[in-house]
Amino acid sequence: MAPARPCGTTSKRSRSSGFGVLLIVDDFAQLGRADGPEIWLNCGWLNATRPARGSASARRLRSRPSSSDGYEDVNDAERLRHDPAMRWIVGGKAAQGCAASPSQMGRFETQWLAAPENLFAISDLSGQWIDLVHGRRPPRSIVLDMDSSVSPTRGEQEMSVWNGHYACTCYHPLFVFNQFGDLERCALRPGNVHSADGWDGVLKPVVARYQGKLSRIYFRADAAFAMPEVYEFLEAERIKYAIRLPANRVLQDRIGYLLKRPVGRPAHHVRRCHASFSYQAGSWSKPRRVIAKVEWHPEELYPRVGFIVTNMSRPAERVVAFYNKRGTCEQWIKEGKGAIKWTRLSCRTFAANAVRLQLHALAYNLGNFLRTLATPEPIKDWSLTSLKEKLIKIGAKVVSHGRYVAFQMAEVAIPRQMFQEILRLIAELRPQPPPALA
């Protein structure tokens, strides 16, 4: 943890309901110190000089931990400004007084961050953080999963439109994840746009970051992204892809021999077969490989048929298995909705709600970094909701003395030995000093 600061000669006691948020900040601190004494100065993270109470840096510093701690709205700032753990993170005068007020937080997010240049900068921030993580955990390859989701609205939010597919008034955000569960980039969109609308503005900056750093990049998406311009971009960037292809009469005829019901008594297990062939749609500039999967399920009269367009040379079974792992992307979106509450977009203007989504994305990534880099094996598979409820929201008593500060934590879901292991894993993230010259 950060070194204690002198807090006077008398002892003071206070309680926090979210002491575990200090782990997230310390986890990120170990990653960030590789780049110099001031990390993410533009976002107020771990400045060499602590921000003053209520300053812009202090408000920037507090936006992401409060979302990670389960507080999804600036209305919670009144409560959090007095929380000792949050005041300790903000630092400066806030450690002895209080942090920024709800009105200050609201103005900061809806006015300052909502400016186009600041919104663009905060959209790039997740990728910069992920690059730091990859510096400690270099991947051999990267797999990008793109998918859209729904954020229902219940007010008069700008660009909140009825969506017939989801049968609600909503926003329609777009997300790109990697295979580690990190949210590479996201964008808020009006509720009535197509699922693939604006895909290039989200995917291309992510691909540009990885080009030249990795030899293999893969891409997966559902049938909404089965468009010629997507294929051509991926092929031009030498990215291997597997994208679900909507069925049509021509594709059905190509596998007609697989659609005949097997002879004999129905099996008690799923019968599965695959086919691979070349196919060119009318809007395509060239033929491409298509994989077909046909499944006969017990007690079902008709087979389940799916098509995948790909430029991979793997056997058909392996291409299908690779594509099926795309379902984890949907699980991560559910975690963002459940643990981070990133569907809570209640601001009036579209730009302010776009800021809220980006802040929630940063909070999600901080929690995922903690899960993937600094959790012992017994809790390695915990969801973000479990981490939030059992690790982040740990009750603690903060005892400040003249020369040190003690955190007296409740030992409930996380035993002392496991907490020590978490601190050890976080400490190992610190970059090693260069070897001394003889």
Foldseek 3Di string as FASTA:
>chain_A
DDFFDFDDADKDKDKAQFLLLVLLLLLLVQLQPVVDCAGPVVQLRNHNDQDAALDLSLLSQQLQSCLLLPNQALVCQQVQQPGQNSLVSNDHCSNVPGHHHSVSNVCSLPPVCLPVVNLVVLQQVLQVSVVSVCVVVPDQEKEKEKWKDWQADDDQAPLQAAEPVVRGGTWIKIFIAIPLLATRGIFIHRPHDQTCPPVCVTPVVSLVVCPPPHPAYEYEYEQSPPDQVVVVVCVVSVYWYKYWHDDDPVVCVVVVVVFDDDPDDDDQAKDKDKDKDWDDDPPHPDIFIKMKMWIDHPPDDGIDITMITIPDPDPSVVSVVVNVVSVVVVVSVVLLCPSSVLSPQHDRYPSSNRSSNSSSSSSSNSLSSLLCQQADPVCNPPGSNCCSVQRRSWMWMWMHRRRGIDTHTDQDNPHPVRVVSSVVSSVVSNDDDDDDDD
